[in-house]
Amino acid sequence: MTNDEIKKALFSAAPVRYNGIEYQRVYEIVYRRPANQVIVSAGLLDKNGACIVYAPVEKVEAVTDGA
């Protein structure tokens, strides 16, 4: 996902997929700035609502019907 797509997913609370696993929604977006670069990660809430997994936004996908 792009930066804009991950923001839309955050506000829509739509399910997302990372590494073949479906997550309930994007819980947060984290911006880090080590060594003059910006790294964007997404905190993904698991289906049970008990765990947050951090993933690079480039590897997060929107869940579509039938996928």
Protein backbone atom coordinates (compact mmCIF):
# COMPACT_ATOMS: atom_id res chain seq x y z
CA MET A 1 0.00 0.00 0.00
CA THR A 2 1.03 3.58 -0.50
CA ASN A 3 1.00 6.17 2.28
CA ASP A 4 -2.40 7.47 1.11
CA GLU A 5 -3.86 3.95 0.82
CA ILE A 6 -2.76 3.00 4.35
CA LYS A 7 -4.35 6.21 5.71
CA LYS A 8 -7.63 5.35 3.97
CA ALA A 9 -7.49 1.83 5.39
CA LEU A 10 -6.91 3.27 8.88
CA PHE A 11 -9.95 5.55 8.73
CA SER A 12 -12.23 3.02 7.03
CA ALA A 13 -11.31 0.23 9.51
CA ALA A 14 -11.32 -2.20 6.58
CA PRO A 15 -9.60 -5.59 6.89
CA VAL A 16 -6.08 -5.91 5.45
CA ARG A 17 -3.66 -8.72 4.62
CA TYR A 18 0.06 -9.09 5.38
CA ASN A 19 2.17 -12.17 4.57
CA GLY A 20 -0.98 -14.08 3.62
CA ILE A 21 -2.67 -13.45 6.98
CA GLU A 22 -5.83 -11.34 7.23
CA TYR A 23 -5.99 -8.74 10.00
CA GLN A 24 -9.06 -7.04 11.46
CA ARG A 25 -7.88 -3.51 10.58
CA VAL A 26 -5.04 -1.01 10.58
CA TYR A 27 -4.72 0.06 14.22
CA GLU A 28 -2.04 2.73 13.78
CA ILE A 29 0.52 4.18 11.41
CA VAL A 30 4.04 4.67 12.74
CA TYR A 31 6.59 7.05 11.21
CA ARG A 32 10.26 6.62 12.17
CA ARG A 33 13.17 8.74 11.05
CA PRO A 34 16.50 6.98 11.56
CA ALA A 35 19.55 8.17 9.60
CA ASN A 36 17.83 10.84 7.48
CA GLN A 37 15.17 8.56 6.03
CA VAL A 38 11.51 8.03 6.85
CA ILE A 39 10.29 4.50 7.53
CA VAL A 40 6.52 3.99 7.60
CA SER A 41 5.02 0.97 9.37
CA ALA A 42 1.45 -0.08 10.03
CA GLY A 43 0.25 -1.62 13.28
CA LEU A 44 -2.25 -4.31 12.30
CA LEU A 45 -4.83 -5.57 14.79
CA ASP A 46 -5.30 -9.35 14.69
CA LYS A 47 -8.70 -11.01 14.30
CA ASN A 48 -9.03 -11.60 18.07
CA GLY A 49 -8.21 -7.99 18.90
CA ALA A 50 -5.44 -9.20 21.22
CA CYS A 51 -2.25 -8.51 19.26
CA ILE A 52 -0.75 -5.80 17.06
CA VAL A 53 1.70 -6.81 14.32
CA TYR A 54 3.96 -4.15 12.81
CA ALA A 55 4.49 -4.38 9.06
CA PRO A 56 6.09 -2.23 6.36
CA VAL A 57 3.24 -0.47 4.55
CA GLU A 58 4.59 -1.60 1.16
CA LYS A 59 3.74 -5.20 2.07
CA VAL A 60 0.22 -4.59 3.40
CA GLU A 61 -2.64 -5.31 1.00
CA ALA A 62 -6.31 -4.38 1.00
CA VAL A 63 -8.69 -7.33 1.38
CA THR A 64 -11.13 -7.56 -1.50
CA ASP A 65 -14.19 -9.78 -1.82
CA GLY A 66 -13.32 -13.21 -3.08
CA ALA A 67 -9.62 -12.89 -2.17
